[in-house]
Protein backbone atom coordinates (compact mmCIF):
# COMPACT_ATOMS: atom_id res chain seq x y z
CA MET A 1 -28.30 163.66 -145.23
CA PRO A 2 -31.56 162.66 -146.97
CA THR A 3 -32.12 162.36 -150.93
CA ALA A 4 -34.90 162.46 -153.00
CA ASP A 5 -35.17 158.53 -152.67
CA HIS A 6 -33.48 158.41 -149.42
CA GLN A 7 -36.17 159.57 -146.86
CA LEU A 8 -35.38 159.67 -143.22
CA ALA A 9 -37.94 157.85 -140.45
CA THR A 10 -38.92 161.73 -138.83
CA GLY A 11 -40.48 162.71 -135.65
CA LEU A 12 -41.55 165.73 -134.94
CA ALA A 13 -43.91 167.01 -131.92
CA LEU A 14 -46.63 169.16 -131.95
CA GLY A 15 -47.80 171.14 -128.53
CA SER A 16 -50.65 174.14 -128.04
CA ASN A 17 -51.77 175.71 -124.68
CA LEU A 18 -53.48 179.02 -126.21
CA GLY A 19 -56.26 179.91 -128.01
CA ASP A 20 -58.23 177.23 -129.94
CA ARG A 21 -55.99 174.07 -129.05
CA LEU A 22 -56.85 171.47 -130.71
CA ALA A 23 -56.96 173.62 -134.65
CA HIS A 24 -53.97 175.03 -134.00
CA LEU A 25 -52.40 171.16 -133.41
CA ARG A 26 -54.72 170.04 -136.24
CA GLN A 27 -53.08 172.77 -138.37
CA GLY A 28 -49.41 171.81 -137.61
CA ARG A 29 -50.86 167.87 -138.20
CA ASP A 30 -51.61 168.80 -141.54
CA LEU A 31 -49.11 170.93 -142.32
CA LEU A 32 -46.63 168.26 -141.38
CA LEU A 33 -48.56 165.34 -143.35
CA SER A 34 -47.85 167.15 -146.33
CA LEU A 35 -44.55 166.98 -145.95
CA HIS A 36 -44.78 163.50 -145.85
CA GLU A 37 -43.32 161.74 -148.95
CA GLY A 38 -43.42 157.62 -147.53
CA PRO A 39 -45.10 155.08 -149.58
CA ALA A 40 -47.18 154.24 -145.68
CA PRO A 41 -49.27 156.76 -144.44
CA ALA A 42 -47.64 158.74 -141.73
CA ALA A 43 -48.24 158.14 -138.08
CA VAL A 44 -49.80 160.37 -135.43
CA SER A 45 -50.90 159.68 -132.29
CA PRO A 46 -53.70 160.30 -130.16
CA VAL A 47 -53.84 163.99 -128.50
CA TYR A 48 -53.25 164.44 -124.57
CA GLU A 49 -53.87 166.85 -122.77
CA THR A 50 -50.79 168.09 -120.17
CA GLU A 51 -50.13 169.81 -117.22
CA PRO A 52 -47.52 172.61 -117.93
CA VAL A 53 -43.86 171.58 -117.68
CA ASP A 54 -41.61 174.34 -117.14
CA CYS A 55 -43.77 177.27 -117.78
CA PRO A 56 -44.86 180.44 -115.73
CA PRO A 57 -47.19 180.33 -112.87
CA GLY A 58 -50.61 179.93 -114.21
CA SER A 59 -50.41 178.30 -117.82
CA ALA A 60 -52.65 176.92 -119.46
CA SER A 61 -52.74 172.89 -119.76
CA PHE A 62 -51.42 171.82 -122.83
CA LEU A 63 -52.59 169.06 -125.88
CA ASN A 64 -49.59 167.71 -127.39
CA ALA A 65 -49.04 164.89 -130.12
CA VAL A 66 -46.45 163.35 -132.06
CA VAL A 67 -46.24 162.60 -135.87
CA GLU A 68 -43.58 160.49 -137.62
CA ILE A 69 -43.07 161.70 -141.83
CA ARG A 70 -40.83 160.56 -144.39
CA THR A 71 -38.91 162.91 -145.64
CA SER A 72 -35.60 163.77 -147.81
CA LEU A 73 -35.87 167.15 -146.50
CA ASP A 74 -32.38 167.87 -144.32
CA PRO A 75 -33.59 168.70 -140.46
CA GLY A 76 -32.42 172.18 -140.92
CA GLN A 77 -34.71 172.78 -143.89
CA LEU A 78 -37.69 171.08 -142.01
CA LEU A 79 -36.97 173.51 -139.09
CA ARG A 80 -36.97 176.35 -141.21
CA GLN A 81 -40.42 174.94 -142.42
CA LEU A 82 -41.57 174.19 -139.11
CA ILE A 83 -40.55 178.23 -137.41
CA ARG A 84 -42.45 179.52 -140.57
CA LEU A 85 -45.79 177.56 -139.56
CA GLU A 86 -45.17 178.68 -136.38
CA SER A 87 -44.86 182.69 -137.10
CA GLU A 88 -47.52 182.05 -139.30
CA LEU A 89 -50.22 181.02 -136.31
CA GLY A 90 -49.10 183.67 -134.24
CA ARG A 91 -45.88 182.67 -132.54
CA SER A 92 -42.97 185.14 -132.67
CA PRO A 93 -39.67 184.48 -132.89
CA ALA A 94 -38.51 186.51 -130.37
CA ARG A 95 -40.28 185.10 -127.17
CA GLU A 96 -39.33 184.39 -123.38
CA ARG A 97 -38.69 180.39 -123.05
CA ASN A 98 -41.75 177.56 -122.67
CA THR A 99 -44.50 181.19 -122.23
CA ALA A 100 -47.86 180.22 -123.64
CA ARG A 101 -47.85 179.09 -127.55
CA SER A 102 -50.52 178.38 -130.02
CA LEU A 103 -47.89 176.26 -131.84
CA ASP A 104 -45.51 174.07 -130.73
CA LEU A 105 -43.07 172.17 -133.05
CA ASP A 106 -40.31 170.15 -132.28
CA ILE A 107 -38.15 167.57 -134.59
CA LEU A 108 -37.82 165.15 -131.66
CA TYR A 109 -35.71 162.68 -134.19
CA ALA A 110 -34.40 162.38 -138.41
CA GLY A 111 -33.55 158.58 -138.50
CA GLN A 112 -30.82 157.84 -136.54
CA LEU A 113 -28.65 161.33 -137.62
CA VAL A 114 -27.04 162.81 -134.52
CA ILE A 115 -26.80 166.67 -134.92
CA ASP A 116 -25.19 169.71 -132.76
CA THR A 117 -24.81 172.52 -133.56
CA PRO A 118 -26.24 175.90 -132.32
CA THR A 119 -29.62 176.09 -133.92
CA LEU A 120 -30.60 171.95 -133.52
CA VAL A 121 -29.66 169.32 -131.91
CA LEU A 122 -30.70 165.77 -132.29
CA PRO A 123 -32.42 163.43 -130.55
CA HIS A 124 -34.62 165.89 -129.42
CA PRO A 125 -32.09 166.58 -126.47
CA ARG A 126 -34.65 166.33 -123.68
CA MET A 127 -37.21 164.29 -124.53
CA THR A 128 -36.69 161.59 -122.98
CA ALA A 129 -37.31 163.45 -119.36
CA ARG A 130 -40.95 164.07 -121.30
CA ARG A 131 -43.96 162.12 -120.24
CA PHE A 132 -45.79 164.55 -122.93
CA VAL A 133 -43.26 163.65 -125.41
CA LEU A 134 -42.54 159.88 -124.79
CA GLN A 135 -46.27 159.47 -124.29
CA PRO A 136 -47.42 160.04 -127.92
CA LEU A 137 -44.15 159.05 -129.19
CA ALA A 138 -44.97 155.39 -127.26
CA ASP A 139 -48.13 155.31 -129.40
CA VAL A 140 -46.84 155.32 -132.96
CA ARG A 141 -42.89 154.16 -132.28
CA PRO A 142 -42.69 152.14 -129.14
CA ASP A 143 -39.97 150.32 -130.44
CA PHE A 144 -37.98 152.86 -131.67
CA VAL A 145 -34.08 153.29 -130.33
CA LEU A 146 -32.96 156.94 -129.98
CA PRO A 147 -29.59 157.19 -130.92
CA GLY A 148 -27.04 156.81 -128.37
CA ASN A 149 -29.73 155.04 -126.39
CA LYS A 150 -30.14 151.55 -125.46
CA ARG A 151 -33.72 151.61 -124.36
CA ASP A 152 -36.51 151.97 -126.95
CA ILE A 153 -39.46 154.42 -126.40
CA ALA A 154 -41.54 152.57 -124.58
CA GLN A 155 -38.71 151.58 -121.78
CA LEU A 156 -38.22 155.17 -121.47
CA LEU A 157 -41.23 155.92 -121.13
CA ALA A 158 -42.16 153.17 -117.90
CA ALA A 159 -38.39 154.50 -116.24
CA LEU A 160 -40.25 157.36 -115.88
CA PRO A 161 -42.04 158.99 -112.33
CA PRO A 162 -45.91 159.09 -113.31
CA ALA A 163 -46.34 163.03 -112.40
CA PRO A 164 -46.62 165.51 -114.11
CA ARG A 165 -50.44 164.38 -115.42
CA VAL A 166 -50.87 162.94 -119.22
CA ALA A 167 -54.30 162.29 -120.36
CA LEU A 168 -55.91 160.76 -123.50
CA PHE A 169 -58.33 164.11 -124.54
CA ARG A 170 -59.46 162.16 -128.16
CA ALA A 171 -58.58 159.19 -129.30
CA VAL A 172 -59.12 160.83 -133.60
CA TRP A 173 -58.88 164.22 -134.03
């Protein structure tokens, strides 16, 4: 696990399809940036508007982004911070999967760590099949190769089918 003098580059996905989606993403981004400990600035993708995937019929479209920070928090500690923030913004911990949410925060990777526990799997198990994750991630780390993969993020993105739709929402947020 990371120590105070060893921060892991950690990729985090942000999504919102309920209420003021952009405001929710900004709140999430600001919290994530407050956890950044690296000497260089954190990497922040543009925001994309995306069609809902595996959500109930009639679900609103999402705004999605990716932030990469460096942190000495271990992934379990970081996950607890993310769950707390989601809760503060109104997301119930007892919720059905893929329902509307004001803010969804997911750890995508933590350096080259591979974790498989009941509460956390890294790298995120479905990220390589999700354009709404890979598109913003490609904006910040196109050459990153996830543990257990041979292709980098840009190559994984290029291999996906064009649907569902992912469109640039705002370049600066």
